[in-house]
Structures are given as C-alpha cells and as structure tokens.
C-alpha atoms as a PDB file:
ATOM      1  CA  UNK A   1      99.423  78.329 106.219  1.00  0.00           C
ATOM      2  CA  UNK A   2     101.663  78.355 109.137  1.00  0.00           C
ATOM      3  CA  UNK A   3     105.436  78.922 108.961  1.00  0.00           C
ATOM      4  CA  UNK A   4     107.357  78.152 112.188  1.00  0.00           C
ATOM      5  CA  UNK A   5     111.123  78.813 112.345  1.00  0.00           C
ATOM      6  CA  UNK A   6     112.288  78.027 116.162  1.00  0.00           C
ATOM      7  CA  UNK A   7     116.024  77.958 117.579  1.00  0.00           C
ATOM      8  CA  UNK A   8     116.253  76.623 120.945  1.00  0.00           C
ATOM      9  CA  UNK A   9     119.596  77.884 121.680  1.00  0.00           C
ATOM     10  CA  UNK A  10     118.398  81.710 121.845  1.00  0.00           C
ATOM     11  CA  UNK A  11     114.538  80.803 122.082  1.00  0.00           C
ATOM     12  CA  UNK A  12     113.115  82.645 119.839  1.00  0.00           C
ATOM     13  CA  UNK A  13     110.204  81.919 117.344  1.00  0.00           C
ATOM     14  CA  UNK A  14     108.207  83.333 114.350  1.00  0.00           C
ATOM     15  CA  UNK A  15     104.673  81.728 114.016  1.00  0.00           C
ATOM     16  CA  UNK A  16     102.916  82.669 110.666  1.00  0.00           C
ATOM     17  CA  UNK A  17      98.891  82.374 110.556  1.00  0.00           C
ATOM     18  CA  UNK A  18      96.770  82.766 107.195  1.00  0.00           C
ATOM     19  CA  UNK A  19      92.815  83.400 107.902  1.00  0.00           C
ATOM     20  CA  UNK A  20      92.306  83.680 104.153  1.00  0.00           C
ATOM     21  CA  UNK A  21      88.360  84.186 104.659  1.00  0.00           C
ATOM     22  CA  UNK A  22      88.510  87.221 106.283  1.00  0.00           C
ATOM     23  CA  UNK A  23      91.520  88.626 104.780  1.00  0.00           C
ATOM     24  CA  UNK A  24      94.306  88.427 107.609  1.00  0.00           C
ATOM     25  CA  UNK A  25      97.597  87.133 108.257  1.00  0.00           C
ATOM     26  CA  UNK A  26      98.893  86.847 111.428  1.00  0.00           C
ATOM     27  CA  UNK A  27     102.905  86.636 112.639  1.00  0.00           C
ATOM     28  CA  UNK A  28     104.071  86.138 115.773  1.00  0.00           C
ATOM     29  CA  UNK A  29     107.078  86.753 117.515  1.00  0.00           C
ATOM     30  CA  UNK A  30     107.666  84.382 120.043  1.00  0.00           C
ATOM     31  CA  UNK A  31     110.763  84.823 122.936  1.00  0.00           C
ATOM     32  CA  UNK A  32     113.466  86.927 123.010  1.00  0.00           C
ATOM     33  CA  UNK A  33     114.050  88.369 119.562  1.00  0.00           C
ATOM     34  CA  UNK A  34     117.187  90.316 118.631  1.00  0.00           C
ATOM     35  CA  UNK A  35     119.153  91.437 115.308  1.00  0.00           C
ATOM     36  CA  UNK A  36     119.890  87.262 115.217  1.00  0.00           C
ATOM     37  CA  UNK A  37     116.151  86.971 114.105  1.00  0.00           C
ATOM     38  CA  UNK A  38     115.534  89.911 111.583  1.00  0.00           C
ATOM     39  CA  UNK A  39     115.840  87.919 108.144  1.00  0.00           C
ATOM     40  CA  UNK A  40     113.338  85.332 109.696  1.00  0.00           C
ATOM     41  CA  UNK A  41     110.595  87.648 110.706  1.00  0.00           C
ATOM     42  CA  UNK A  42     111.298  89.868 107.419  1.00  0.00           C
ATOM     43  CA  UNK A  43     110.645  86.705 105.622  1.00  0.00           C
ATOM     44  CA  UNK A  44     107.324  86.013 107.843  1.00  0.00           C
ATOM     45  CA  UNK A  45     105.859  90.161 107.109  1.00  0.00           C
ATOM     46  CA  UNK A  46     107.379  89.905 103.236  1.00  0.00           C
ATOM     47  CA  UNK A  47     105.495  87.113 102.583  1.00  0.00           C
ATOM     48  CA  UNK A  48     101.984  88.888 103.231  1.00  0.00           C
ATOM     49  CA  UNK A  49     100.525  90.242 100.455  1.00  0.00           C
ATOM     50  CA  UNK A  50      99.995  94.001 100.378  1.00  0.00           C
ATOM     51  CA  UNK A  51      96.456  93.228  99.871  1.00  0.00           C
ATOM     52  CA  UNK A  52      95.911  91.199 102.823  1.00  0.00           C
ATOM     53  CA  UNK A  53      95.641  92.998 106.568  1.00  0.00           C
ATOM     54  CA  UNK A  54      98.449  92.491 108.445  1.00  0.00           C
ATOM     55  CA  UNK A  55      98.439  91.324 112.051  1.00  0.00           C
ATOM     56  CA  UNK A  56     101.682  91.575 114.121  1.00  0.00           C
ATOM     57  CA  UNK A  57     101.131  89.426 117.452  1.00  0.00           C
ATOM     58  CA  UNK A  58     103.457  90.398 120.558  1.00  0.00           C
ATOM     59  CA  UNK A  59     101.875  88.685 123.116  1.00  0.00           C
ATOM     60  CA  UNK A  60     104.119  86.026 123.662  1.00  0.00           C
ATOM     61  CA  UNK A  61     107.452  88.369 122.790  1.00  0.00           C
ATOM     62  CA  UNK A  62     109.445  88.191 126.574  1.00  0.00           C
ATOM     63  CA  UNK A  63     112.560  90.691 124.791  1.00  0.00           C
ATOM     64  CA  UNK A  64     113.209  92.959 121.584  1.00  0.00           C
ATOM     65  CA  UNK A  65     115.527  95.407 121.043  1.00  0.00           C
ATOM     66  CA  UNK A  66     115.396  98.154 118.607  1.00  0.00           C
ATOM     67  CA  UNK A  67     115.775  95.890 115.650  1.00  0.00           C
ATOM     68  CA  UNK A  68     112.202  94.802 116.103  1.00  0.00           C
ATOM     69  CA  UNK A  69     111.470  98.765 116.608  1.00  0.00           C
ATOM     70  CA  UNK A  70     113.141  99.373 113.070  1.00  0.00           C
ATOM     71  CA  UNK A  71     111.212  96.483 111.766  1.00  0.00           C
ATOM     72  CA  UNK A  72     107.716  97.398 112.849  1.00  0.00           C
ATOM     73  CA  UNK A  73     108.581 101.009 111.604  1.00  0.00           C
ATOM     74  CA  UNK A  74     109.653  99.681 107.951  1.00  0.00           C
ATOM     75  CA  UNK A  75     106.646  97.436 107.850  1.00  0.00           C
ATOM     76  CA  UNK A  76     104.423 100.071 109.076  1.00  0.00           C
ATOM     77  CA  UNK A  77     105.238 102.584 106.326  1.00  0.00           C
ATOM     78  CA  UNK A  78     105.693 100.301 103.336  1.00  0.00           C
ATOM     79  CA  UNK A  79     102.260  98.588 103.847  1.00  0.00           C
ATOM     80  CA  UNK A  80     100.555  99.002 107.508  1.00  0.00           C
ATOM     81  CA  UNK A  81      99.909  96.948 110.415  1.00  0.00           C
ATOM     82  CA  UNK A  82      98.401  96.279 113.693  1.00  0.00           C
ATOM     83  CA  UNK A  83      99.956  95.036 117.039  1.00  0.00           C
ATOM     84  CA  UNK A  84      98.019  92.253 119.268  1.00  0.00           C
ATOM     85  CA  UNK A  85      98.449  93.262 122.741  1.00  0.00           C
ATOM     86  CA  UNK A  86      99.427  93.378 125.321  1.00  0.00           C
ATOM     87  CA  UNK A  87     102.876  94.833 124.285  1.00  0.00           C
ATOM     88  CA  UNK A  88     105.614  93.451 126.838  1.00  0.00           C
ATOM     89  CA  UNK A  89     106.947  96.141 129.302  1.00  0.00           C
ATOM     90  CA  UNK A  90     110.303  96.189 127.940  1.00  0.00           C
ATOM     91  CA  UNK A  91     109.153  97.035 124.332  1.00  0.00           C
ATOM     92  CA  UNK A  92     106.546  99.082 125.566  1.00  0.00           C
ATOM     93  CA  UNK A  93     109.329 101.219 127.331  1.00  0.00           C
ATOM     94  CA  UNK A  94     111.531 101.260 124.041  1.00  0.00           C
ATOM     95  CA  UNK A  95     108.406 102.402 121.909  1.00  0.00           C
ATOM     96  CA  UNK A  96     107.695 105.272 124.814  1.00  0.00           C
ATOM     97  CA  UNK A  97     111.508 106.361 124.734  1.00  0.00           C
ATOM     98  CA  UNK A  98     111.635 106.917 121.038  1.00  0.00           C
ATOM     99  CA  UNK A  99     108.464 108.442 120.956  1.00  0.00           C
ATOM    100  CA  UNK A 100     106.750 105.715 118.669  1.00  0.00           C
ATOM    101  CA  UNK A 101     104.269 104.479 121.273  1.00  0.00           C
ATOM    102  CA  UNK A 102     101.496 105.738 119.546  1.00  0.00           C
ATOM    103  CA  UNK A 103     102.537 105.589 116.481  1.00  0.00           C
ATOM    104  CA  UNK A 104     101.269 101.679 115.640  1.00  0.00           C
ATOM    105  CA  UNK A 105      97.699 100.477 116.327  1.00  0.00           C
ATOM    106  CA  UNK A 106      97.602  98.168 119.154  1.00  0.00           C
ATOM    107  CA  UNK A 107      94.379  96.056 120.134  1.00  0.00           C
ATOM    108  CA  UNK A 108      93.678  94.202 122.815  1.00  0.00           C
ATOM    109  CA  UNK A 109      91.995  91.121 121.045  1.00  0.00           C
ATOM    110  CA  UNK A 110      92.448  89.286 118.147  1.00  0.00           C
ATOM    111  CA  UNK A 111      88.942  89.876 117.012  1.00  0.00           C
ATOM    112  CA  UNK A 112      89.679  93.478 117.239  1.00  0.00           C
ATOM    113  CA  UNK A 113      93.190  92.913 115.505  1.00  0.00           C
ATOM    114  CA  UNK A 114      91.506  91.150 112.483  1.00  0.00           C
ATOM    115  CA  UNK A 115      88.377  92.996 111.947  1.00  0.00           C
ATOM    116  CA  UNK A 116      88.101  95.226 108.642  1.00  0.00           C
END
C-alpha cells in the first residue's frame, strides 16, 4: 500500500508504505513540513492500525516547526512510534530545546526501526 500527497508549491509530501509480513508501517515526511500539512500527516498516522509498528521516516525532512513536534508527542502517547533518522539538525535542535530529544526512540537504519 502506498499513499502519497504532494504539493509542489510548498514542497512537502507524505508517503506511506506497509509491510504486512513484518507488521510495520513506514510513514515518510519529505521536504518542508508546517501547519498546512498537519492533516495529511495525521491522516497517514491514524490510518495505521494499533497492532502495526509505526515508523516515522524523517531522513528526507528539510524543515519542521512545532506542528511536527506536537504530532510526534500526540502519536507517541497514543500508540508509540519509532523515528528513522538521522533527524535533521533543525528538528534535532527543536527537540533538544523543548526537552523531548530523548522521548522518542530514534533508529539509525530501517532494519533497526522495523525490528520487533
């Protein structure tokens, strides 16, 4: 399954890939993410069944504001998630300043992120 939303005007897209054999769903946020794309990201995350491990791929993210931080916190509280990194420097600094950097499990590889 793949779901993609792309808007060339703001250069943000969301892709979702499911691996039913491993019980994993990877949601990738690509480009520059701001409040305008909150519903798209929330839709992709909420479409993931609670029985499936959720991985948020931020490796191609260029910018994110506190909107993404709020999404991360809400999602992690609701169901848990793993972040596929490296986390972009700008977002890493936002997480550090807000004291949430250690709150989310960050994985260095897709294999690690998808492991049981």
